[in-house]
């Protein structure tokens, strides 16, 4: 089911819930914030989210992953002061980046979760607040990872030294950015290990780079590509050992995660790189994902596990043609728009009008014979894959 509300105070908000109970609320953002502080604006936006979810019989405590987009990263602390009042001791994992919000407000919040009133799914969160040496403690009111069913969503990771919670490098040299990226990936691996997953099971990876370090995109990409290749090789070696000890043989993952590089204006703590991943849990045989394979059709990158999930993305200049290509791709693996929970469109600020973009996307989807996911238009300072837009679709 999908619903769209267009109250004059807010930009259009769409809600989607699949038959499996997965739900999504598109980015909630005020049209005008004249005379409002960031604390007041955050309160209004979160009250709106809470109200929208309550209208659907869902508690805000049912959320598993939240994306926060700030116009000014200097508002991070004030935003957190209000944000933490809405969640209990098991908050959703979270991403937070600074970008040029084009629609008036200074904060936009997008959220995902699950309605347990239908199909029950196992839940678990990793919420470490104490100082440690294995990975950074949370620098806000969020969990490092939140597992929902067969997928775990990690919070965005930045290159903090765990004992001090300070960046390991403050300069912007190529070597410093490489070191920062390597530390970020180390954090990702340790958090995945703590929640019984692994780098070889990563399904989706979004790397955020500030515009001041965008020229180092190829260096960051090389570090990430090498890290993923190394972790795949480690998995293959472990697979051979398991077979030799007589345990059930696993299968080396032949799939590569869907990866996107998004340029933003700022990241928390002044970081240059932030990485957010979603991965399969250890309950899933990676062979199940391989049996469906990674597919490219009409430029669409597709990753699917039958009856569990389907991730798709495509870089386009025209939204309607991109959605058509994704529709063709997901139908080829027996998914459809009724399984989609989110249609997220990253667009380069200045290349397209976001209101027009949203209208084009919703018009196309409303013309489909089945209900579809919530539509979020997310501004970026640039995209590595496309000068205009990148469409990402998640199905359950």
Foldseek 3Di string as FASTA:
>chain_A
DKDWDDPQQWHIWMKDAFLQFKIKIFKTFGQAQPPHDVLRRLLVRVVVVQVVQVVVVHGQQQWAEKEKEFQDLVCVVSSLVNVLVRYDLAAHAYEYAYAHDDRHGGMIMITIGGDCVHPHWDKDFAQAQDQDQQAAHDPGNHTQWMDTHFKIWGHKFWQARRNVRAHPDQDQDLVSLLVRLVSRVSNVQSVQVVQQHGLQFWAEKEKEFEPVNVVSVVVSVVSVVVVSVVRLVVVVVVQVVCVVVVHDGADRQPADHHYWYFYRHAHPNRGGMIMITMGTHPVDRSVQFPVLNWDAWPQKTWTDRPPPKIKIKHADPDPLVRVVRVQVVQVVVPDHQSQWAEKEKEFAPPSDDVVVVVVVNVVSQVPDPDHHHIYYYHYTNQIPRYRTIMIMIMGD
